[in-house]
C-alpha atoms as a PDB file:
ATOM      1  CA  MET A   1       0.000   0.000   0.000  1.00  0.00           C
ATOM      2  CA  LEU A   2       1.302   3.438  -0.947  1.00  0.00           C
ATOM      3  CA  SER A   3       1.926   5.874   1.911  1.00  0.00           C
ATOM      4  CA  ASN A   4      -0.302   8.883   1.484  1.00  0.00           C
ATOM      5  CA  ILE A   5       0.021  12.593   2.139  1.00  0.00           C
ATOM      6  CA  ASP A   6      -0.388  13.310   5.843  1.00  0.00           C
ATOM      7  CA  PRO A   7      -3.738  15.157   6.263  1.00  0.00           C
ATOM      8  CA  VAL A   8      -2.023  17.667   8.553  1.00  0.00           C
ATOM      9  CA  TYR A   9      -0.710  19.268   5.357  1.00  0.00           C
ATOM     10  CA  PHE A  10      -4.270  20.359   4.642  1.00  0.00           C
ATOM     11  CA  LEU A  11      -3.728  23.013   7.295  1.00  0.00           C
ATOM     12  CA  THR A  12      -1.278  24.726   4.931  1.00  0.00           C
ATOM     13  CA  PHE A  13      -4.241  25.963   2.920  1.00  0.00           C
ATOM     14  CA  ILE A  14      -7.078  25.732   5.460  1.00  0.00           C
ATOM     15  CA  VAL A  15      -5.460  28.122   7.960  1.00  0.00           C
ATOM     16  CA  PRO A  16      -4.526  30.885   5.447  1.00  0.00           C
ATOM     17  CA  ILE A  17      -7.945  30.673   3.794  1.00  0.00           C
ATOM     18  CA  ALA A  18      -9.747  30.813   7.148  1.00  0.00           C
ATOM     19  CA  LEU A  19      -7.575  33.644   8.502  1.00  0.00           C
ATOM     20  CA  ASN A  20      -7.820  35.858   5.430  1.00  0.00           C
ATOM     21  CA  LEU A  21     -11.521  35.172   4.967  1.00  0.00           C
ATOM     22  CA  ALA A  22     -12.158  36.023   8.622  1.00  0.00           C
ATOM     23  CA  LEU A  23     -10.335  39.341   8.203  1.00  0.00           C
ATOM     24  CA  VAL A  24     -12.262  40.147   5.034  1.00  0.00           C
ATOM     25  CA  LEU A  25     -15.570  39.397   6.761  1.00  0.00           C
ATOM     26  CA  TYR A  26     -14.519  41.459   9.777  1.00  0.00           C
ATOM     27  CA  CYS A  27     -13.689  44.449   7.571  1.00  0.00           C
ATOM     28  CA  ARG A  28     -16.973  43.954   5.774  1.00  0.00           C
ATOM     29  CA  LYS A  29     -18.817  43.967   9.088  1.00  0.00           C
ATOM     30  CA  LYS A  30     -16.992  47.136  10.137  1.00  0.00           C
ATOM     31  CA  GLY A  31     -18.135  48.791   6.907  1.00  0.00           C
ATOM     32  CA  THR A  32     -14.678  49.448   5.491  1.00  0.00           C
ATOM     33  CA  LEU A  33     -14.677  46.785   2.788  1.00  0.00           C
ATOM     34  CA  ASN A  34     -16.932  46.983  -0.243  1.00  0.00           C
ATOM     35  CA  LEU A  35     -16.991  45.512  -3.730  1.00  0.00           C
ATOM     36  CA  ALA A  36     -14.871  48.372  -5.022  1.00  0.00           C
ATOM     37  CA  VAL A  37     -12.059  47.546  -2.596  1.00  0.00           C
ATOM     38  CA  LEU A  38     -12.195  43.878  -3.523  1.00  0.00           C
ATOM     39  CA  GLY A  39     -12.402  44.659  -7.219  1.00  0.00           C
ATOM     40  CA  TYR A  40      -9.510  47.099  -7.406  1.00  0.00           C
ATOM     41  CA  SER A  41      -7.306  44.934  -5.184  1.00  0.00           C
ATOM     42  CA  PHE A  42      -8.172  41.949  -7.383  1.00  0.00           C
ATOM     43  CA  LEU A  43      -7.063  43.804 -10.510  1.00  0.00           C
ATOM     44  CA  ALA A  44      -3.926  45.172  -8.857  1.00  0.00           C
ATOM     45  CA  TYR A  45      -2.843  41.779  -7.566  1.00  0.00           C
ATOM     46  CA  PHE A  46      -3.682  39.494 -10.472  1.00  0.00           C
ATOM     47  CA  ILE A  47      -2.438  41.839 -13.187  1.00  0.00           C
ATOM     48  CA  ALA A  48       0.846  42.068 -11.266  1.00  0.00           C
ATOM     49  CA  ILE A  49       1.038  38.283 -10.906  1.00  0.00           C
ATOM     50  CA  GLY A  50       0.168  37.756 -14.565  1.00  0.00           C
ATOM     51  CA  ILE A  51       2.920  40.118 -15.710  1.00  0.00           C
ATOM     52  CA  LYS A  52       5.413  38.526 -13.292  1.00  0.00           C
ATOM     53  CA  MET A  53       4.611  35.022 -14.541  1.00  0.00           C
ATOM     54  CA  ALA A  54       4.951  36.028 -18.187  1.00  0.00           C
ATOM     55  CA  PHE A  55       8.139  37.991 -17.555  1.00  0.00           C
ATOM     56  CA  GLN A  56       9.734  35.198 -15.549  1.00  0.00           C
ATOM     57  CA  TYR A  57       8.745  32.626 -18.149  1.00  0.00           C
ATOM     58  CA  LEU A  58      10.658  34.620 -20.744  1.00  0.00           C
ATOM     59  CA  THR A  59      13.648  35.740 -18.689  1.00  0.00           C
ATOM     60  CA  ALA A  60      14.175  33.681 -15.500  1.00  0.00           C
ATOM     61  CA  GLY A  61      16.169  30.992 -17.279  1.00  0.00           C
ATOM     62  CA  PHE A  62      18.559  33.524 -18.753  1.00  0.00           C
ATOM     63  CA  VAL A  63      19.021  35.387 -15.463  1.00  0.00           C
ATOM     64  CA  THR A  64      19.755  32.272 -13.394  1.00  0.00           C
ATOM     65  CA  SER A  65      22.065  30.777 -16.021  1.00  0.00           C
ATOM     66  CA  ARG A  66      23.919  34.081 -16.390  1.00  0.00           C
ATOM     67  CA  PHE A  67      24.275  34.997 -12.715  1.00  0.00           C
ATOM     68  CA  GLY A  68      23.388  31.818 -10.836  1.00  0.00           C
ATOM     69  CA  TYR A  69      20.305  31.355  -8.689  1.00  0.00           C
ATOM     70  CA  THR A  70      21.975  32.460  -5.448  1.00  0.00           C
ATOM     71  CA  SER A  71      23.332  35.855  -6.440  1.00  0.00           C
ATOM     72  CA  ILE A  72      22.647  39.524  -5.825  1.00  0.00           C
ATOM     73  CA  GLU A  73      21.567  39.962  -9.435  1.00  0.00           C
ATOM     74  CA  THR A  74      18.982  37.177  -9.243  1.00  0.00           C
ATOM     75  CA  ALA A  75      17.825  38.370  -5.835  1.00  0.00           C
ATOM     76  CA  MET A  76      17.186  41.861  -7.196  1.00  0.00           C
ATOM     77  CA  TYR A  77      15.565  40.357 -10.280  1.00  0.00           C
ATOM     78  CA  TYR A  78      12.843  38.853  -8.073  1.00  0.00           C
ATOM     79  CA  GLY A  79      12.683  41.636  -5.511  1.00  0.00           C
ATOM     80  CA  LEU A  80      12.302  44.484  -7.983  1.00  0.00           C
ATOM     81  CA  GLN A  81       9.477  42.681  -9.755  1.00  0.00           C
ATOM     82  CA  THR A  82       7.483  42.541  -6.550  1.00  0.00           C
ATOM     83  CA  SER A  83       8.274  46.158  -5.726  1.00  0.00           C
ATOM     84  CA  PHE A  84       7.361  47.660  -9.071  1.00  0.00           C
ATOM     85  CA  LEU A  85       4.545  45.289 -10.008  1.00  0.00           C
ATOM     86  CA  GLU A  86       2.761  44.313  -6.807  1.00  0.00           C
ATOM     87  CA  VAL A  87       3.400  47.486  -4.809  1.00  0.00           C
ATOM     88  CA  GLY A  88       3.420  49.702  -7.887  1.00  0.00           C
ATOM     89  CA  LEU A  89       0.128  48.431  -9.283  1.00  0.00           C
ATOM     90  CA  ALA A  90      -1.443  48.520  -5.824  1.00  0.00           C
ATOM     91  CA  TYR A  91      -0.630  52.240  -5.798  1.00  0.00           C
ATOM     92  CA  MET A  92      -1.838  52.827  -9.354  1.00  0.00           C
ATOM     93  CA  PHE A  93      -5.209  51.178  -8.787  1.00  0.00           C
ATOM     94  CA  ALA A  94      -5.620  52.871  -5.412  1.00  0.00           C
ATOM     95  CA  SER A  95      -4.929  56.215  -7.091  1.00  0.00           C
ATOM     96  CA  TYR A  96      -7.454  55.562  -9.849  1.00  0.00           C
ATOM     97  CA  ALA A  97     -10.088  54.319  -7.410  1.00  0.00           C
ATOM     98  CA  PHE A  98      -9.595  57.345  -5.162  1.00  0.00           C
ATOM     99  CA  LYS A  99      -9.985  59.760  -8.066  1.00  0.00           C
ATOM    100  CA  LYS A 100     -13.199  58.011  -9.044  1.00  0.00           C
ATOM    101  CA  LYS A 101     -14.353  58.254  -5.409  1.00  0.00           C
ATOM    102  CA  HIS A 102     -14.727  54.485  -5.229  1.00  0.00           C
ATOM    103  CA  ILE A 103     -12.490  54.138  -2.169  1.00  0.00           C
ATOM    104  CA  SER A 104     -11.305  56.470   0.580  1.00  0.00           C
ATOM    105  CA  ALA A 105      -8.612  56.614   3.242  1.00  0.00           C
ATOM    106  CA  ALA A 106     -10.967  54.632   5.480  1.00  0.00           C
ATOM    107  CA  ASN A 107     -10.482  51.687   3.142  1.00  0.00           C
ATOM    108  CA  SER A 108      -6.706  51.540   3.549  1.00  0.00           C
ATOM    109  CA  VAL A 109      -6.566  48.551   5.904  1.00  0.00           C
ATOM    110  CA  SER A 110      -9.266  46.705   3.981  1.00  0.00           C
ATOM    111  CA  TYR A 111      -7.399  47.321   0.721  1.00  0.00           C
ATOM    112  CA  GLY A 112      -4.230  45.791   2.162  1.00  0.00           C
ATOM    113  CA  ILE A 113      -6.112  42.828   3.623  1.00  0.00           C
ATOM    114  CA  SER A 114      -7.822  42.309   0.262  1.00  0.00           C
ATOM    115  CA  LEU A 115      -4.443  42.140  -1.497  1.00  0.00           C
ATOM    116  CA  SER A 116      -3.455  39.432   0.971  1.00  0.00           C
ATOM    117  CA  PHE A 117      -6.796  37.682   0.511  1.00  0.00           C
ATOM    118  CA  TRP A 118      -6.291  37.297  -3.220  1.00  0.00           C
ATOM    119  CA  GLU A 119      -2.802  35.871  -2.748  1.00  0.00           C
ATOM    120  CA  ASN A 120      -3.049  33.776   0.393  1.00  0.00           C
ATOM    121  CA  ALA A 121      -6.674  32.646   0.376  1.00  0.00           C
ATOM    122  CA  ILE A 122      -7.441  32.426  -3.330  1.00  0.00           C
ATOM    123  CA  TYR A 123      -4.332  32.194  -5.513  1.00  0.00           C
ATOM    124  CA  LEU A 124      -2.180  30.106  -3.176  1.00  0.00           C
ATOM    125  CA  GLY A 125      -4.756  28.840  -0.683  1.00  0.00           C
ATOM    126  CA  VAL A 126      -7.436  27.483  -3.007  1.00  0.00           C
ATOM    127  CA  LEU A 127      -5.034  26.277  -5.691  1.00  0.00           C
ATOM    128  CA  THR A 128      -2.807  24.543  -3.129  1.00  0.00           C
ATOM    129  CA  GLY A 129      -5.865  23.008  -1.518  1.00  0.00           C
ATOM    130  CA  ILE A 130      -7.226  21.651  -4.775  1.00  0.00           C
ATOM    131  CA  SER A 131      -3.850  20.181  -5.688  1.00  0.00           C
ATOM    132  CA  LEU A 132      -3.246  18.568  -2.286  1.00  0.00           C
ATOM    133  CA  VAL A 133      -6.737  17.139  -1.940  1.00  0.00           C
ATOM    134  CA  ALA A 134      -6.676  15.815  -5.497  1.00  0.00           C
ATOM    135  CA  ASP A 135      -3.321  14.095  -4.940  1.00  0.00           C
ATOM    136  CA  PHE A 136      -4.527  12.683  -1.619  1.00  0.00           C
ATOM    137  CA  VAL A 137      -7.669  11.242  -3.220  1.00  0.00           C
ATOM    138  CA  LEU A 138      -5.837   9.841  -6.239  1.00  0.00           C
ATOM    139  CA  ILE A 139      -3.325   8.029  -4.043  1.00  0.00           C
ATOM    140  CA  SER A 140      -6.123   6.788  -1.787  1.00  0.00           C
ATOM    141  CA  ILE A 141      -7.970   5.055  -4.604  1.00  0.00           C
ATOM    142  CA  GLY A 142      -4.926   2.888  -5.392  1.00  0.00           C
ATOM    143  CA  PRO A 143      -3.407   0.635  -6.205  1.00  0.00           C
ATOM    144  CA  SER A 144      -3.764   1.794  -9.799  1.00  0.00           C
ATOM    145  CA  SER A 145      -1.605   3.233 -12.538  1.00  0.00           C
ATOM    146  CA  ILE A 146      -2.865   6.722 -11.684  1.00  0.00           C
ATOM    147  CA  SER A 147      -2.134   6.424  -7.955  1.00  0.00           C
ATOM    148  CA  HIS A 148       1.353   5.083  -8.677  1.00  0.00           C
ATOM    149  CA  LEU A 149       1.987   7.921 -11.123  1.00  0.00           C
ATOM    150  CA  VAL A 150       0.888  10.553  -8.598  1.00  0.00           C
ATOM    151  CA  TYR A 151       2.920   8.901  -5.838  1.00  0.00           C
ATOM    152  CA  THR A 152       6.034   8.727  -8.027  1.00  0.00           C
ATOM    153  CA  THR A 153       5.668  12.355  -9.075  1.00  0.00           C
ATOM    154  CA  ILE A 154       5.343  13.531  -5.470  1.00  0.00           C
ATOM    155  CA  SER A 155       8.289  11.336  -4.428  1.00  0.00           C
ATOM    156  CA  LYS A 156      10.473  13.100  -6.984  1.00  0.00           C
ATOM    157  CA  ASN A 157       9.193  16.669  -6.778  1.00  0.00           C
ATOM    158  CA  ASP A 158       8.006  17.073  -3.177  1.00  0.00           C
ATOM    159  CA  PRO A 159       8.963  14.025  -1.103  1.00  0.00           C
ATOM    160  CA  ALA A 160       8.417  15.875   2.189  1.00  0.00           C
ATOM    161  CA  LEU A 161       4.675  15.418   1.670  1.00  0.00           C
ATOM    162  CA  LEU A 162       5.154  11.696   2.224  1.00  0.00           C
ATOM    163  CA  TYR A 163       7.126  11.977   5.464  1.00  0.00           C
ATOM    164  CA  GLY A 164       5.721  11.101   8.872  1.00  0.00           C
ATOM    165  CA  PRO A 165       3.489  13.242  11.131  1.00  0.00           C
ATOM    166  CA  VAL A 166       6.301  15.088  12.961  1.00  0.00           C
ATOM    167  CA  PRO A 167       7.980  16.439   9.786  1.00  0.00           C
ATOM    168  CA  ALA A 168       4.489  17.201   8.484  1.00  0.00           C
ATOM    169  CA  LEU A 169       3.678  19.312  11.535  1.00  0.00           C
ATOM    170  CA  ILE A 170       6.959  21.214  11.297  1.00  0.00           C
ATOM    171  CA  SER A 171       6.597  21.822   7.571  1.00  0.00           C
ATOM    172  CA  THR A 172       2.987  22.922   8.022  1.00  0.00           C
ATOM    173  CA  ALA A 173       3.935  25.350  10.795  1.00  0.00           C
ATOM    174  CA  VAL A 174       6.634  26.876   8.582  1.00  0.00           C
ATOM    175  CA  SER A 175       4.181  27.211   5.700  1.00  0.00           C
ATOM    176  CA  ILE A 176       1.597  28.919   7.907  1.00  0.00           C
ATOM    177  CA  LEU A 177       4.271  31.306   9.199  1.00  0.00           C
ATOM    178  CA  GLU A 178       5.165  32.155   5.597  1.00  0.00           C
ATOM    179  CA  ARG A 179       1.539  32.922   4.723  1.00  0.00           C
ATOM    180  CA  THR A 180       1.231  35.034   7.868  1.00  0.00           C
ATOM    181  CA  SER A 181       4.274  37.039   6.788  1.00  0.00           C
ATOM    182  CA  SER A 182       2.673  37.521   3.391  1.00  0.00           C
ATOM    183  CA  LEU A 183      -0.525  38.728   5.053  1.00  0.00           C
ATOM    184  CA  LEU A 184       1.369  41.324   7.066  1.00  0.00           C
ATOM    185  CA  ALA A 185       3.482  42.521   4.129  1.00  0.00           C
ATOM    186  CA  HIS A 186       0.569  42.875   1.691  1.00  0.00           C
ATOM    187  CA  THR A 187      -1.536  44.638   4.300  1.00  0.00           C
ATOM    188  CA  ALA A 188       1.317  47.028   5.063  1.00  0.00           C
ATOM    189  CA  TRP A 189       1.922  48.177   1.507  1.00  0.00           C
ATOM    190  CA  GLY A 190      -1.808  48.232   0.810  1.00  0.00           C
ATOM    191  CA  ILE A 191      -2.300  50.649   3.715  1.00  0.00           C
ATOM    192  CA  LEU A 192       0.610  52.854   2.671  1.00  0.00           C
ATOM    193  CA  THR A 193      -0.434  53.094  -0.981  1.00  0.00           C
ATOM    194  CA  VAL A 194      -3.967  54.219  -0.095  1.00  0.00           C
ATOM    195  CA  ILE A 195      -2.751  56.668   2.556  1.00  0.00           C
ATOM    196  CA  SER A 196      -0.234  58.035   0.044  1.00  0.00           C
ATOM    197  CA  VAL A 197      -3.044  58.720  -2.407  1.00  0.00           C
ATOM    198  CA  ALA A 198      -5.411  60.087   0.232  1.00  0.00           C
ATOM    199  CA  THR A 199      -2.853  62.504   1.695  1.00  0.00           C
ATOM    200  CA  LYS A 200      -1.282  63.314  -1.671  1.00  0.00           C
ATOM    201  CA  LYS A 201       2.090  62.527  -0.126  1.00  0.00           C
ATOM    202  CA  LYS A 202       4.156  60.231  -2.319  1.00  0.00           C
ATOM    203  CA  VAL A 203       6.616  59.704   0.535  1.00  0.00           C
ATOM    204  CA  TYR A 204       4.329  56.982   1.872  1.00  0.00           C
ATOM    205  CA  PHE A 205       4.381  55.219  -1.476  1.00  0.00           C
ATOM    206  CA  PHE A 206       8.168  55.440  -1.518  1.00  0.00           C
ATOM    207  CA  ILE A 207       8.183  53.879   1.943  1.00  0.00           C
ATOM    208  CA  ALA A 208       6.009  51.036   0.653  1.00  0.00           C
ATOM    209  CA  LEU A 209       7.916  50.453  -2.582  1.00  0.00           C
ATOM    210  CA  PRO A 210      11.064  48.872  -1.063  1.00  0.00           C
ATOM    211  CA  MET A 211       8.902  46.469   0.934  1.00  0.00           C
ATOM    212  CA  GLY A 212       8.540  44.398  -2.214  1.00  0.00           C
ATOM    213  CA  LEU A 213      12.264  43.721  -2.056  1.00  0.00           C
ATOM    214  CA  ILE A 214      11.453  41.136   0.600  1.00  0.00           C
ATOM    215  CA  ASP A 215      11.207  38.672  -2.295  1.00  0.00           C
ATOM    216  CA  ALA A 216      14.895  39.301  -2.988  1.00  0.00           C
ATOM    217  CA  LEU A 217      15.589  37.001  -0.051  1.00  0.00           C
ATOM    218  CA  VAL A 218      13.991  33.989  -1.753  1.00  0.00           C
ATOM    219  CA  PRO A 219      17.128  32.786  -3.614  1.00  0.00           C
ATOM    220  CA  TYR A 220      19.010  32.710  -0.306  1.00  0.00           C
ATOM    221  CA  ALA A 221      16.547  30.443   1.509  1.00  0.00           C
ATOM    222  CA  SER A 222      18.614  27.351   0.749  1.00  0.00           C
ATOM    223  CA  VAL A 223      21.785  29.089   1.932  1.00  0.00           C
ATOM    224  CA  ILE A 224      20.623  30.411   5.299  1.00  0.00           C
ATOM    225  CA  GLY A 225      18.207  27.559   5.950  1.00  0.00           C
ATOM    226  CA  ILE A 226      14.432  27.565   5.638  1.00  0.00           C
ATOM    227  CA  TYR A 227      13.817  28.240   9.341  1.00  0.00           C
ATOM    228  CA  ASN A 228      16.146  31.230   9.439  1.00  0.00           C
ATOM    229  CA  PHE A 229      14.699  32.455   6.165  1.00  0.00           C
ATOM    230  CA  GLU A 230      11.092  32.322   7.366  1.00  0.00           C
ATOM    231  CA  LEU A 231      12.012  33.945  10.677  1.00  0.00           C
ATOM    232  CA  ILE A 232      13.790  36.819   8.925  1.00  0.00           C
ATOM    233  CA  VAL A 233      10.867  37.319   6.533  1.00  0.00           C
ATOM    234  CA  PHE A 234       8.403  37.276   9.433  1.00  0.00           C
ATOM    235  CA  VAL A 235      10.402  39.846  11.407  1.00  0.00           C
ATOM    236  CA  LEU A 236      10.624  42.116   8.355  1.00  0.00           C
ATOM    237  CA  SER A 237       6.885  41.754   7.773  1.00  0.00           C
ATOM    238  CA  VAL A 238       6.176  42.719  11.381  1.00  0.00           C
ATOM    239  CA  ILE A 239       8.354  45.798  10.879  1.00  0.00           C
ATOM    240  CA  PHE A 240       6.408  46.632   7.695  1.00  0.00           C
ATOM    241  CA  ILE A 241       3.030  46.458   9.435  1.00  0.00           C
ATOM    242  CA  ALA A 242       4.400  48.463  12.379  1.00  0.00           C
ATOM    243  CA  ILE A 243       5.481  51.196   9.945  1.00  0.00           C
ATOM    244  CA  ALA A 244       2.061  51.151   8.282  1.00  0.00           C
ATOM    245  CA  ALA A 245       0.322  51.345  11.669  1.00  0.00           C
ATOM    246  CA  TYR A 246       2.499  54.303  12.622  1.00  0.00           C
ATOM    247  CA  VAL A 247       1.621  56.101   9.381  1.00  0.00           C
ATOM    248  CA  LEU A 248      -2.069  55.415   9.999  1.00  0.00           C
ATOM    249  CA  ARG A 249      -1.857  57.017  13.433  1.00  0.00           C
ATOM    250  CA  LYS A 250       0.242  59.903  12.154  1.00  0.00           C
ATOM    251  CA  THR A 251      -2.147  60.772   9.322  1.00  0.00           C
ATOM    252  CA  LYS A 252      -5.368  60.202  11.231  1.00  0.00           C
ATOM    253  CA  GLY A 253      -5.806  63.888  11.941  1.00  0.00           C
ATOM    254  CA  THR A 254      -4.581  65.112   8.547  1.00  0.00           C
ATOM    255  CA  VAL A 255      -7.009  63.123   6.418  1.00  0.00           C
ATOM    256  CA  SER A 256     -10.616  64.231   6.244  1.00  0.00           C
ATOM    257  CA  PRO A 257     -12.984  62.039   8.286  1.00  0.00           C
ATOM    258  CA  ALA A 258     -12.789  59.763   5.264  1.00  0.00           C
ATOM    259  CA  ASP A 259     -15.785  57.693   6.086  1.00  0.00           C
ATOM    260  CA  ILE A 260     -17.128  55.251   3.561  1.00  0.00           C
ATOM    261  CA  SER A 261     -20.012  57.551   2.684  1.00  0.00           C
ATOM    262  CA  ARG A 262     -17.679  59.706   0.517  1.00  0.00           C
ATOM    263  CA  THR A 263     -17.420  56.902  -2.011  1.00  0.00           C
ATOM    264  CA  LYS A 264     -19.860  56.496  -4.840  1.00  0.00           C
ATOM    265  CA  ILE A 265     -20.286  52.771  -4.278  1.00  0.00           C
ATOM    266  CA  GLY A 266     -19.106  52.485  -0.694  1.00  0.00           C
ATOM    267  CA  GLY A 267     -22.246  50.747   0.471  1.00  0.00           C
ATOM    268  CA  VAL A 268     -22.145  47.985  -2.112  1.00  0.00           C
END
């Protein structure tokens, strides 16, 4: 009988989906999240991801073969993409939405949480969940040619999924920490981009822009070790959200009451 994926791995997508969905529903209940916020954050995030995927498909092979995967050049290659695409497009769509009076400064936190929602709950959460559950089911129905094929593929590409419960728990905890870091980082630059637009002070956007460079650390994960890598990323993400929270407090009195009622479709 083929050993199957430990069900504890299901938490790698269940927890991020539940956490991000809970935050979205909370913001909705508080009246700061509407369809406009979700829509503009959806466009900002998925257009950025689409461009990144296409760009990396065309150029990643050349960059890594030219400079090596673990190099400053490759690190900046990934980091700058996140800065200019994810943070940059978040700012562009926030600016457009603000001009159209579809969102206000009161939506800043919800906008950041929505960016995280699309990445961690939908793009990575749902897709990871579908893949894991499908593989689990296909192996479970064995023995068959399909179950053996799935098992062999996992054994080659991601053998950790077939380890025992203790490694599964550790790996799952690390994955959840990574998604939590992503939640904090996306929320931070989402807040700063909206506040930048609302206050007409680009300095807040320029504070947010370098936050995308956090992805420059990815090529070094194998060098410093996955645990050190995730801890460093988490600490940086906490710093990001602390900066965003400080800016929120600092600008609270300089932005007009900025309640949702200023938006054309705030109540949707």
